[in-house]
Amino acid sequence: VPKLEKPQLLRLTRKNSYVGVAWYN
């Protein structure tokens, strides 16, 4: 949520994030 804190201010934030295995066919 919008705040003047480190997680929000250090970088832009991904709207949707995924790190792991993904399958495409």
mmCIF file of all heavy atoms, coordinates in Angstrom:
data_MODEL
# 
_entry.id   MODEL 
# 
loop_
_atom_site.group_PDB 
_atom_site.id 
_atom_site.type_symbol 
_atom_site.label_atom_id 
_atom_site.label_alt_id 
_atom_site.label_comp_id 
_atom_site.label_asym_id 
_atom_site.label_entity_id 
_atom_site.label_seq_id 
_atom_site.pdbx_PDB_ins_code 
_atom_site.Cartn_x 
_atom_site.Cartn_y 
_atom_site.Cartn_z 
_atom_site.occupancy 
_atom_site.B_iso_or_equiv 
_atom_site.pdbx_formal_charge 
_atom_site.auth_seq_id 
_atom_site.auth_comp_id 
_atom_site.auth_asym_id 
_atom_site.auth_atom_id 
_atom_site.pdbx_PDB_model_num 
ATOM 1   N N   . VAL A 1 1  ? 0.857  -1.178  0.000   1.00 0.00 ? 1  VAL A N   1 
ATOM 2   C CA  . VAL A 1 1  ? 0.000  0.000   0.000   1.00 0.00 ? 1  VAL A CA  1 
ATOM 3   C C   . VAL A 1 1  ? 0.896  1.232   0.000   1.00 0.00 ? 1  VAL A C   1 
ATOM 4   O O   . VAL A 1 1  ? 2.031  1.181   0.480   1.00 0.00 ? 1  VAL A O   1 
ATOM 5   C CB  . VAL A 1 1  ? -0.935 0.009   1.226   1.00 0.00 ? 1  VAL A CB  1 
ATOM 6   C CG1 . VAL A 1 1  ? -1.881 -1.172  1.167   1.00 0.00 ? 1  VAL A CG1 1 
ATOM 7   C CG2 . VAL A 1 1  ? -0.126 -0.006  2.517   1.00 0.00 ? 1  VAL A CG2 1 
ATOM 8   N N   . PRO A 1 2  ? 0.451  2.355   -0.549  1.00 0.00 ? 2  PRO A N   1 
ATOM 9   C CA  . PRO A 1 2  ? 1.306  3.545   -0.610  1.00 0.00 ? 2  PRO A CA  1 
ATOM 10  C C   . PRO A 1 2  ? 1.727  4.021   0.785   1.00 0.00 ? 2  PRO A C   1 
ATOM 11  O O   . PRO A 1 2  ? 0.892  4.275   1.652   1.00 0.00 ? 2  PRO A O   1 
ATOM 12  C CB  . PRO A 1 2  ? 0.409  4.581   -1.295  1.00 0.00 ? 2  PRO A CB  1 
ATOM 13  C CG  . PRO A 1 2  ? -0.597 3.775   -2.055  1.00 0.00 ? 2  PRO A CG  1 
ATOM 14  C CD  . PRO A 1 2  ? -0.834 2.553   -1.230  1.00 0.00 ? 2  PRO A CD  1 
ATOM 15  N N   . LYS A 1 3  ? 3.050  4.074   1.003   1.00 0.00 ? 3  LYS A N   1 
ATOM 16  C CA  . LYS A 1 3  ? 3.611  4.567   2.267   1.00 0.00 ? 3  LYS A CA  1 
ATOM 17  C C   . LYS A 1 3  ? 4.990  5.136   1.995   1.00 0.00 ? 3  LYS A C   1 
ATOM 18  O O   . LYS A 1 3  ? 5.649  4.747   1.026   1.00 0.00 ? 3  LYS A O   1 
ATOM 19  C CB  . LYS A 1 3  ? 3.733  3.427   3.298   1.00 0.00 ? 3  LYS A CB  1 
ATOM 20  C CG  . LYS A 1 3  ? 2.461  3.032   4.011   1.00 0.00 ? 3  LYS A CG  1 
ATOM 21  C CD  . LYS A 1 3  ? 2.758  2.012   5.104   1.00 0.00 ? 3  LYS A CD  1 
ATOM 22  C CE  . LYS A 1 3  ? 1.499  1.617   5.860   1.00 0.00 ? 3  LYS A CE  1 
ATOM 23  N NZ  . LYS A 1 3  ? 1.799  0.632   6.935   1.00 0.00 ? 3  LYS A NZ  1 
ATOM 24  N N   . LEU A 1 4  ? 5.437  6.030   2.850   1.00 0.00 ? 4  LEU A N   1 
ATOM 25  C CA  . LEU A 1 4  ? 6.801  6.548   2.758   1.00 0.00 ? 4  LEU A CA  1 
ATOM 26  C C   . LEU A 1 4  ? 7.735  5.645   3.552   1.00 0.00 ? 4  LEU A C   1 
ATOM 27  O O   . LEU A 1 4  ? 8.322  6.034   4.560   1.00 0.00 ? 4  LEU A O   1 
ATOM 28  C CB  . LEU A 1 4  ? 6.853  7.992   3.270   1.00 0.00 ? 4  LEU A CB  1 
ATOM 29  C CG  . LEU A 1 4  ? 6.081  9.024   2.442   1.00 0.00 ? 4  LEU A CG  1 
ATOM 30  C CD1 . LEU A 1 4  ? 6.175  10.400  3.076   1.00 0.00 ? 4  LEU A CD1 1 
ATOM 31  C CD2 . LEU A 1 4  ? 6.610  9.066   1.011   1.00 0.00 ? 4  LEU A CD2 1 
ATOM 32  N N   . GLU A 1 5  ? 7.868  4.404   3.096   1.00 0.00 ? 5  GLU A N   1 
ATOM 33  C CA  . GLU A 1 5  ? 8.722  3.418   3.744   1.00 0.00 ? 5  GLU A CA  1 
ATOM 34  C C   . GLU A 1 5  ? 9.613  2.747   2.708   1.00 0.00 ? 5  GLU A C   1 
ATOM 35  O O   . GLU A 1 5  ? 9.380  2.857   1.496   1.00 0.00 ? 5  GLU A O   1 
ATOM 36  C CB  . GLU A 1 5  ? 7.865  2.389   4.481   1.00 0.00 ? 5  GLU A CB  1 
ATOM 37  C CG  . GLU A 1 5  ? 7.071  2.989   5.638   1.00 0.00 ? 5  GLU A CG  1 
ATOM 38  C CD  . GLU A 1 5  ? 6.249  1.949   6.390   1.00 0.00 ? 5  GLU A CD  1 
ATOM 39  O OE1 . GLU A 1 5  ? 6.236  0.776   5.930   1.00 0.00 ? 5  GLU A OE1 1 
ATOM 40  O OE2 . GLU A 1 5  ? 5.638  2.301   7.405   1.00 0.00 ? 5  GLU A OE2 1 
ATOM 41  N N   . LYS A 1 6  ? 10.629 2.033   3.198   1.00 0.00 ? 6  LYS A N   1 
ATOM 42  C CA  . LYS A 1 6  ? 11.648 1.482   2.301   1.00 0.00 ? 6  LYS A CA  1 
ATOM 43  C C   . LYS A 1 6  ? 11.101 0.584   1.195   1.00 0.00 ? 6  LYS A C   1 
ATOM 44  O O   . LYS A 1 6  ? 11.475 0.750   0.036   1.00 0.00 ? 6  LYS A O   1 
ATOM 45  C CB  . LYS A 1 6  ? 12.711 0.729   3.116   1.00 0.00 ? 6  LYS A CB  1 
ATOM 46  C CG  . LYS A 1 6  ? 13.845 1.611   3.586   1.00 0.00 ? 6  LYS A CG  1 
ATOM 47  C CD  . LYS A 1 6  ? 14.984 0.771   4.151   1.00 0.00 ? 6  LYS A CD  1 
ATOM 48  C CE  . LYS A 1 6  ? 16.171 1.673   4.481   1.00 0.00 ? 6  LYS A CE  1 
ATOM 49  N NZ  . LYS A 1 6  ? 17.317 0.877   4.987   1.00 0.00 ? 6  LYS A NZ  1 
ATOM 50  N N   . PRO A 1 7  ? 10.250 -0.394  1.470   1.00 0.00 ? 7  PRO A N   1 
ATOM 51  C CA  . PRO A 1 7  ? 9.792  -1.278  0.378   1.00 0.00 ? 7  PRO A CA  1 
ATOM 52  C C   . PRO A 1 7  ? 9.148  -0.515  -0.772  1.00 0.00 ? 7  PRO A C   1 
ATOM 53  O O   . PRO A 1 7  ? 9.259  -0.927  -1.933  1.00 0.00 ? 7  PRO A O   1 
ATOM 54  C CB  . PRO A 1 7  ? 8.792  -2.207  1.080   1.00 0.00 ? 7  PRO A CB  1 
ATOM 55  C CG  . PRO A 1 7  ? 9.200  -2.200  2.508   1.00 0.00 ? 7  PRO A CG  1 
ATOM 56  C CD  . PRO A 1 7  ? 9.696  -0.811  2.769   1.00 0.00 ? 7  PRO A CD  1 
ATOM 57  N N   . GLN A 1 8  ? 8.468  0.594   -0.442  1.00 0.00 ? 8  GLN A N   1 
ATOM 58  C CA  . GLN A 1 8  ? 7.804  1.373   -1.476  1.00 0.00 ? 8  GLN A CA  1 
ATOM 59  C C   . GLN A 1 8  ? 8.763  2.340   -2.169  1.00 0.00 ? 8  GLN A C   1 
ATOM 60  O O   . GLN A 1 8  ? 8.579  2.661   -3.348  1.00 0.00 ? 8  GLN A O   1 
ATOM 61  C CB  . GLN A 1 8  ? 6.629  2.175   -0.870  1.00 0.00 ? 8  GLN A CB  1 
ATOM 62  C CG  . GLN A 1 8  ? 5.440  1.337   -0.466  1.00 0.00 ? 8  GLN A CG  1 
ATOM 63  C CD  . GLN A 1 8  ? 5.563  0.784   0.954   1.00 0.00 ? 8  GLN A CD  1 
ATOM 64  O OE1 . GLN A 1 8  ? 6.631  0.795   1.544   1.00 0.00 ? 8  GLN A OE1 1 
ATOM 65  N NE2 . GLN A 1 8  ? 4.445  0.294   1.486   1.00 0.00 ? 8  GLN A NE2 1 
ATOM 66  N N   . LEU A 1 9  ? 9.778  2.821   -1.469  1.00 0.00 ? 9  LEU A N   1 
ATOM 67  C CA  . LEU A 1 9  ? 10.623 3.895   -1.984  1.00 0.00 ? 9  LEU A CA  1 
ATOM 68  C C   . LEU A 1 9  ? 11.907 3.412   -2.636  1.00 0.00 ? 9  LEU A C   1 
ATOM 69  O O   . LEU A 1 9  ? 12.506 4.144   -3.433  1.00 0.00 ? 9  LEU A O   1 
ATOM 70  C CB  . LEU A 1 9  ? 10.976 4.865   -0.850  1.00 0.00 ? 9  LEU A CB  1 
ATOM 71  C CG  . LEU A 1 9  ? 9.802  5.603   -0.203  1.00 0.00 ? 9  LEU A CG  1 
ATOM 72  C CD1 . LEU A 1 9  ? 10.292 6.490   0.931   1.00 0.00 ? 9  LEU A CD1 1 
ATOM 73  C CD2 . LEU A 1 9  ? 9.071  6.441   -1.237  1.00 0.00 ? 9  LEU A CD2 1 
ATOM 74  N N   . LEU A 1 10 ? 12.364 2.211   -2.300  1.00 0.00 ? 10 LEU A N   1 
ATOM 75  C CA  . LEU A 1 10 ? 13.652 1.747   -2.824  1.00 0.00 ? 10 LEU A CA  1 
ATOM 76  C C   . LEU A 1 10 ? 13.623 1.534   -4.333  1.00 0.00 ? 10 LEU A C   1 
ATOM 77  O O   . LEU A 1 10 ? 14.620 1.729   -5.017  1.00 0.00 ? 10 LEU A O   1 
ATOM 78  C CB  . LEU A 1 10 ? 14.077 0.449   -2.130  1.00 0.00 ? 10 LEU A CB  1 
ATOM 79  C CG  . LEU A 1 10 ? 14.689 0.611   -0.737  1.00 0.00 ? 10 LEU A CG  1 
ATOM 80  C CD1 . LEU A 1 10 ? 14.965 -0.751  -0.131  1.00 0.00 ? 10 LEU A CD1 1 
ATOM 81  C CD2 . LEU A 1 10 ? 15.970 1.435   -0.803  1.00 0.00 ? 10 LEU A CD2 1 
ATOM 82  N N   . ARG A 1 11 ? 12.487 1.108   -4.853  1.00 0.00 ? 11 ARG A N   1 
ATOM 83  C CA  . ARG A 1 11 ? 12.402 0.795   -6.282  1.00 0.00 ? 11 ARG A CA  1 
ATOM 84  C C   . ARG A 1 11 ? 10.933 0.819   -6.715  1.00 0.00 ? 11 ARG A C   1 
ATOM 85  O O   . ARG A 1 11 ? 10.033 0.807   -5.861  1.00 0.00 ? 11 ARG A O   1 
ATOM 86  C CB  . ARG A 1 11 ? 12.966 -0.601  -6.564  1.00 0.00 ? 11 ARG A CB  1 
ATOM 87  C CG  . ARG A 1 11 ? 12.166 -1.723  -5.924  1.00 0.00 ? 11 ARG A CG  1 
ATOM 88  C CD  . ARG A 1 11 ? 12.790 -3.076  -6.157  1.00 0.00 ? 11 ARG A CD  1 
ATOM 89  N NE  . ARG A 1 11 ? 14.039 -3.225  -5.458  1.00 0.00 ? 11 ARG A NE  1 
ATOM 90  C CZ  . ARG A 1 11 ? 14.151 -3.638  -4.188  1.00 0.00 ? 11 ARG A CZ  1 
ATOM 91  N NH1 . ARG A 1 11 ? 13.051 -3.908  -3.494  1.00 0.00 ? 11 ARG A NH1 1 
ATOM 92  N NH2 . ARG A 1 11 ? 15.314 -3.783  -3.619  1.00 0.00 ? 11 ARG A NH2 1 
ATOM 93  N N   . LEU A 1 12 ? 10.704 0.846   -8.020  1.00 0.00 ? 12 LEU A N   1 
ATOM 94  C CA  . LEU A 1 12 ? 9.363  0.622   -8.522  1.00 0.00 ? 12 LEU A CA  1 
ATOM 95  C C   . LEU A 1 12 ? 8.953  -0.814  -8.225  1.00 0.00 ? 12 LEU A C   1 
ATOM 96  O O   . LEU A 1 12 ? 9.797  -1.717  -8.158  1.00 0.00 ? 12 LEU A O   1 
ATOM 97  C CB  . LEU A 1 12 ? 9.304  0.888   -10.018 1.00 0.00 ? 12 LEU A CB  1 
ATOM 98  C CG  . LEU A 1 12 ? 9.562  2.335   -10.462 1.00 0.00 ? 12 LEU A CG  1 
ATOM 99  C CD1 . LEU A 1 12 ? 9.516  2.424   -11.979 1.00 0.00 ? 12 LEU A CD1 1 
ATOM 100 C CD2 . LEU A 1 12 ? 8.549  3.285   -9.846  1.00 0.00 ? 12 LEU A CD2 1 
ATOM 101 N N   . THR A 1 13 ? 7.668  -1.059  -8.059  1.00 0.00 ? 13 THR A N   1 
ATOM 102 C CA  . THR A 1 13 ? 7.180  -2.367  -7.652  1.00 0.00 ? 13 THR A CA  1 
ATOM 103 C C   . THR A 1 13 ? 6.426  -3.041  -8.785  1.00 0.00 ? 13 THR A C   1 
ATOM 104 O O   . THR A 1 13 ? 5.629  -2.402  -9.478  1.00 0.00 ? 13 THR A O   1 
ATOM 105 C CB  . THR A 1 13 ? 6.239  -2.231  -6.427  1.00 0.00 ? 13 THR A CB  1 
ATOM 106 O OG1 . THR A 1 13 ? 6.924  -1.517  -5.403  1.00 0.00 ? 13 THR A OG1 1 
ATOM 107 C CG2 . THR A 1 13 ? 5.844  -3.594  -5.910  1.00 0.00 ? 13 THR A CG2 1 
ATOM 108 N N   . ARG A 1 14 ? 6.682  -4.311  -8.960  1.00 0.00 ? 14 ARG A N   1 
ATOM 109 C CA  . ARG A 1 14 ? 5.988  -5.081  -9.994  1.00 0.00 ? 14 ARG A CA  1 
ATOM 110 C C   . ARG A 1 14 ? 4.499  -5.207  -9.654  1.00 0.00 ? 14 ARG A C   1 
ATOM 111 O O   . ARG A 1 14 ? 4.134  -5.506  -8.522  1.00 0.00 ? 14 ARG A O   1 
ATOM 112 C CB  . ARG A 1 14 ? 6.602  -6.480  -10.097 1.00 0.00 ? 14 ARG A CB  1 
ATOM 113 C CG  . ARG A 1 14 ? 8.068  -6.478  -10.419 1.00 0.00 ? 14 ARG A CG  1 
ATOM 114 C CD  . ARG A 1 14 ? 8.738  -7.822  -10.193 1.00 0.00 ? 14 ARG A CD  1 
ATOM 115 N NE  . ARG A 1 14 ? 8.292  -8.837  -11.131 1.00 0.00 ? 14 ARG A NE  1 
ATOM 116 C CZ  . ARG A 1 14 ? 8.814  -10.063 -11.189 1.00 0.00 ? 14 ARG A CZ  1 
ATOM 117 N NH1 . ARG A 1 14 ? 9.794  -10.409 -10.367 1.00 0.00 ? 14 ARG A NH1 1 
ATOM 118 N NH2 . ARG A 1 14 ? 8.363  -10.939 -12.060 1.00 0.00 ? 14 ARG A NH2 1 
ATOM 119 N N   . LYS A 1 15 ? 3.645  -5.019  -10.651 1.00 0.00 ? 15 LYS A N   1 
ATOM 120 C CA  . LYS A 1 15 ? 2.203  -5.193  -10.435 1.00 0.00 ? 15 LYS A CA  1 
ATOM 121 C C   . LYS A 1 15 ? 1.878  -6.657  -10.165 1.00 0.00 ? 15 LYS A C   1 
ATOM 122 O O   . LYS A 1 15 ? 1.020  -6.983  -9.356  1.00 0.00 ? 15 LYS A O   1 
ATOM 123 C CB  . LYS A 1 15 ? 1.426  -4.701  -11.650 1.00 0.00 ? 15 LYS A CB  1 
ATOM 124 C CG  . LYS A 1 15 ? 1.486  -3.196  -11.864 1.00 0.00 ? 15 LYS A CG  1 
ATOM 125 C CD  . LYS A 1 15 ? 0.667  -2.783  -13.069 1.00 0.00 ? 15 LYS A CD  1 
ATOM 126 C CE  . LYS A 1 15 ? 0.702  -1.279  -13.273 1.00 0.00 ? 15 LYS A CE  1 
ATOM 127 N NZ  . LYS A 1 15 ? -0.070 -0.867  -14.481 1.00 0.00 ? 15 LYS A NZ  1 
ATOM 128 N N   . ASN A 1 16 ? 2.548  -7.546  -10.911 1.00 0.00 ? 16 ASN A N   1 
ATOM 129 C CA  . ASN A 1 16 ? 2.400  -8.988  -10.697 1.00 0.00 ? 16 ASN A CA  1 
ATOM 130 C C   . ASN A 1 16 ? 3.801  -9.590  -10.779 1.00 0.00 ? 16 ASN A C   1 
ATOM 131 O O   . ASN A 1 16 ? 4.519  -9.340  -11.743 1.00 0.00 ? 16 ASN A O   1 
ATOM 132 C CB  . ASN A 1 16 ? 1.509  -9.623  -11.765 1.00 0.00 ? 16 ASN A CB  1 
ATOM 133 C CG  . ASN A 1 16 ? 0.071  -9.163  -11.672 1.00 0.00 ? 16 ASN A CG  1 
ATOM 134 O OD1 . ASN A 1 16 ? -0.738 -9.726  -10.964 1.00 0.00 ? 16 ASN A OD1 1 
ATOM 135 N ND2 . ASN A 1 16 ? -0.232 -8.095  -12.403 1.00 0.00 ? 16 ASN A ND2 1 
ATOM 136 N N   . SER A 1 17 ? 4.177  -10.366 -9.787  1.00 0.00 ? 17 SER A N   1 
ATOM 137 C CA  . SER A 1 17 ? 5.520  -10.941 -9.780  1.00 0.00 ? 17 SER A CA  1 
ATOM 138 C C   . SER A 1 17 ? 5.441  -12.459 -9.759  1.00 0.00 ? 17 SER A C   1 
ATOM 139 O O   . SER A 1 17 ? 4.525  -13.040 -9.176  1.00 0.00 ? 17 SER A O   1 
ATOM 140 C CB  . SER A 1 17 ? 6.325  -10.443 -8.578  1.00 0.00 ? 17 SER A CB  1 
ATOM 141 O OG  . SER A 1 17 ? 5.728  -10.851 -7.358  1.00 0.00 ? 17 SER A OG  1 
ATOM 142 N N   . TYR A 1 18 ? 6.412  -13.076 -10.429 1.00 0.00 ? 18 TYR A N   1 
ATOM 143 C CA  . TYR A 1 18 ? 6.508  -14.530 -10.376 1.00 0.00 ? 18 TYR A CA  1 
ATOM 144 C C   . TYR A 1 18 ? 7.956  -14.942 -10.594 1.00 0.00 ? 18 TYR A C   1 
ATOM 145 O O   . TYR A 1 18 ? 8.558  -14.594 -11.617 1.00 0.00 ? 18 TYR A O   1 
ATOM 146 C CB  . TYR A 1 18 ? 5.626  -15.202 -11.429 1.00 0.00 ? 18 TYR A CB  1 
ATOM 147 C CG  . TYR A 1 18 ? 5.700  -16.712 -11.333 1.00 0.00 ? 18 TYR A CG  1 
ATOM 148 C CD1 . TYR A 1 18 ? 5.068  -17.376 -10.284 1.00 0.00 ? 18 TYR A CD1 1 
ATOM 149 C CD2 . TYR A 1 18 ? 6.436  -17.452 -12.243 1.00 0.00 ? 18 TYR A CD2 1 
ATOM 150 C CE1 . TYR A 1 18 ? 5.147  -18.756 -10.148 1.00 0.00 ? 18 TYR A CE1 1 
ATOM 151 C CE2 . TYR A 1 18 ? 6.523  -18.843 -12.118 1.00 0.00 ? 18 TYR A CE2 1 
ATOM 152 C CZ  . TYR A 1 18 ? 5.889  -19.482 -11.073 1.00 0.00 ? 18 TYR A CZ  1 
ATOM 153 O OH  . TYR A 1 18 ? 5.988  -20.843 -10.937 1.00 0.00 ? 18 TYR A OH  1 
ATOM 154 N N   . VAL A 1 19 ? 8.511  -15.654 -9.630  1.00 0.00 ? 19 VAL A N   1 
ATOM 155 C CA  . VAL A 1 19 ? 9.840  -16.261 -9.734  1.00 0.00 ? 19 VAL A CA  1 
ATOM 156 C C   . VAL A 1 19 ? 9.683  -17.736 -9.429  1.00 0.00 ? 19 VAL A C   1 
ATOM 157 O O   . VAL A 1 19 ? 9.296  -18.117 -8.324  1.00 0.00 ? 19 VAL A O   1 
ATOM 158 C CB  . VAL A 1 19 ? 10.848 -15.612 -8.772  1.00 0.00 ? 19 VAL A CB  1 
ATOM 159 C CG1 . VAL A 1 19 ? 12.190 -16.335 -8.839  1.00 0.00 ? 19 VAL A CG1 1 
ATOM 160 C CG2 . VAL A 1 19 ? 11.033 -14.131 -9.091  1.00 0.00 ? 19 VAL A CG2 1 
ATOM 161 N N   . GLY A 1 20 ? 9.942  -18.551 -10.425 1.00 0.00 ? 20 GLY A N   1 
ATOM 162 C CA  . GLY A 1 20 ? 9.769  -19.993 -10.284 1.00 0.00 ? 20 GLY A CA  1 
ATOM 163 C C   . GLY A 1 20 ? 9.674  -20.630 -11.657 1.00 0.00 ? 20 GLY A C   1 
ATOM 164 O O   . GLY A 1 20 ? 10.045 -20.036 -12.669 1.00 0.00 ? 20 GLY A O   1 
ATOM 165 N N   . VAL A 1 21 ? 9.156  -21.840 -11.691 1.00 0.00 ? 21 VAL A N   1 
ATOM 166 C CA  . VAL A 1 21 ? 9.023  -22.578 -12.948 1.00 0.00 ? 21 VAL A CA  1 
ATOM 167 C C   . VAL A 1 21 ? 7.693  -22.231 -13.608 1.00 0.00 ? 21 VAL A C   1 
ATOM 168 O O   . VAL A 1 21 ? 6.656  -22.158 -12.941 1.00 0.00 ? 21 VAL A O   1 
ATOM 169 C CB  . VAL A 1 21 ? 9.106  -24.095 -12.699 1.00 0.00 ? 21 VAL A CB  1 
ATOM 170 C CG1 . VAL A 1 21 ? 8.856  -24.870 -13.993 1.00 0.00 ? 21 VAL A CG1 1 
ATOM 171 C CG2 . VAL A 1 21 ? 10.471 -24.466 -12.110 1.00 0.00 ? 21 VAL A CG2 1 
ATOM 172 N N   . ALA A 1 22 ? 7.727  -21.994 -14.899 1.00 0.00 ? 22 ALA A N   1 
ATOM 173 C CA  . ALA A 1 22 ? 6.507  -21.786 -15.687 1.00 0.00 ? 22 ALA A CA  1 
ATOM 174 C C   . ALA A 1 22 ? 6.588  -22.658 -16.933 1.00 0.00 ? 22 ALA A C   1 
ATOM 175 O O   . ALA A 1 22 ? 7.666  -22.827 -17.515 1.00 0.00 ? 22 ALA A O   1 
ATOM 176 C CB  . ALA A 1 22 ? 6.333  -20.325 -16.060 1.00 0.00 ? 22 ALA A CB  1 
ATOM 177 N N   . TRP A 1 23 ? 5.452  -23.211 -17.339 1.00 0.00 ? 23 TRP A N   1 
ATOM 178 C CA  . TRP A 1 23 ? 5.374  -24.074 -18.513 1.00 0.00 ? 23 TRP A CA  1 
ATOM 179 C C   . TRP A 1 23 ? 4.570  -23.369 -19.604 1.00 0.00 ? 23 TRP A C   1 
ATOM 180 O O   . TRP A 1 23 ? 3.527  -22.773 -19.338 1.00 0.00 ? 23 TRP A O   1 
ATOM 181 C CB  . TRP A 1 23 ? 4.697  -25.405 -18.167 1.00 0.00 ? 23 TRP A CB  1 
ATOM 182 C CG  . TRP A 1 23 ? 5.476  -26.245 -17.192 1.00 0.00 ? 23 TRP A CG  1 
ATOM 183 C CD1 . TRP A 1 23 ? 5.603  -26.044 -15.853 1.00 0.00 ? 23 TRP A CD1 1 
ATOM 184 C CD2 . TRP A 1 23 ? 6.231  -27.426 -17.486 1.00 0.00 ? 23 TRP A CD2 1 
ATOM 185 N NE1 . TRP A 1 23 ? 6.385  -27.027 -15.286 1.00 0.00 ? 23 TRP A NE1 1 
ATOM 186 C CE2 . TRP A 1 23 ? 6.785  -27.895 -16.264 1.00 0.00 ? 23 TRP A CE2 1 
ATOM 187 C CE3 . TRP A 1 23 ? 6.479  -28.145 -18.661 1.00 0.00 ? 23 TRP A CE3 1 
ATOM 188 C CZ2 . TRP A 1 23 ? 7.570  -29.019 -16.188 1.00 0.00 ? 23 TRP A CZ2 1 
ATOM 189 C CZ3 . TRP A 1 23 ? 7.266  -29.283 -18.589 1.00 0.00 ? 23 TRP A CZ3 1 
ATOM 190 C CH2 . TRP A 1 23 ? 7.805  -29.720 -17.378 1.00 0.00 ? 23 TRP A CH2 1 
ATOM 191 N N   . TYR A 1 24 ? 5.072  -23.450 -20.828 1.00 0.00 ? 24 TYR A N   1 
ATOM 192 C CA  . TYR A 1 24 ? 4.416  -22.836 -21.977 1.00 0.00 ? 24 TYR A CA  1 
ATOM 193 C C   . TYR A 1 24 ? 4.289  -23.903 -23.071 1.00 0.00 ? 24 TYR A C   1 
ATOM 194 O O   . TYR A 1 24 ? 5.240  -24.656 -23.309 1.00 0.00 ? 24 TYR A O   1 
ATOM 195 C CB  . TYR A 1 24 ? 5.245  -21.670 -22.521 1.00 0.00 ? 24 TYR A CB  1 
ATOM 196 C CG  . TYR A 1 24 ? 5.602  -20.620 -21.490 1.00 0.00 ? 24 TYR A CG  1 
ATOM 197 C CD1 . TYR A 1 24 ? 6.703  -20.794 -20.649 1.00 0.00 ? 24 TYR A CD1 1 
ATOM 198 C CD2 . TYR A 1 24 ? 4.859  -19.457 -21.367 1.00 0.00 ? 24 TYR A CD2 1 
ATOM 199 C CE1 . TYR A 1 24 ? 7.044  -19.831 -19.714 1.00 0.00 ? 24 TYR A CE1 1 
ATOM 200 C CE2 . TYR A 1 24 ? 5.195  -18.481 -20.431 1.00 0.00 ? 24 TYR A CE2 1 
ATOM 201 C CZ  . TYR A 1 24 ? 6.295  -18.684 -19.602 1.00 0.00 ? 24 TYR A CZ  1 
ATOM 202 O OH  . TYR A 1 24 ? 6.619  -17.727 -18.680 1.00 0.00 ? 24 TYR A OH  1 
ATOM 203 N N   . ASN A 1 25 ? 3.119  -23.985 -23.723 1.00 0.00 ? 25 ASN A N   1 
ATOM 204 C CA  . ASN A 1 25 ? 3.017  -24.940 -24.830 1.00 0.00 ? 25 ASN A CA  1 
ATOM 205 C C   . ASN A 1 25 ? 2.137  -24.399 -25.946 1.00 0.00 ? 25 ASN A C   1 
ATOM 206 O O   . ASN A 1 25 ? 1.314  -23.504 -25.750 1.00 0.00 ? 25 ASN A O   1 
ATOM 207 C CB  . ASN A 1 25 ? 2.526  -26.314 -24.357 1.00 0.00 ? 25 ASN A CB  1 
ATOM 208 C CG  . ASN A 1 25 ? 1.103  -26.302 -23.843 1.00 0.00 ? 25 ASN A CG  1 
ATOM 209 O OD1 . ASN A 1 25 ? 0.371  -25.324 -23.976 1.00 0.00 ? 25 ASN A OD1 1 
ATOM 210 N ND2 . ASN A 1 25 ? 0.690  -27.404 -23.234 1.00 0.00 ? 25 ASN A ND2 1 
# 
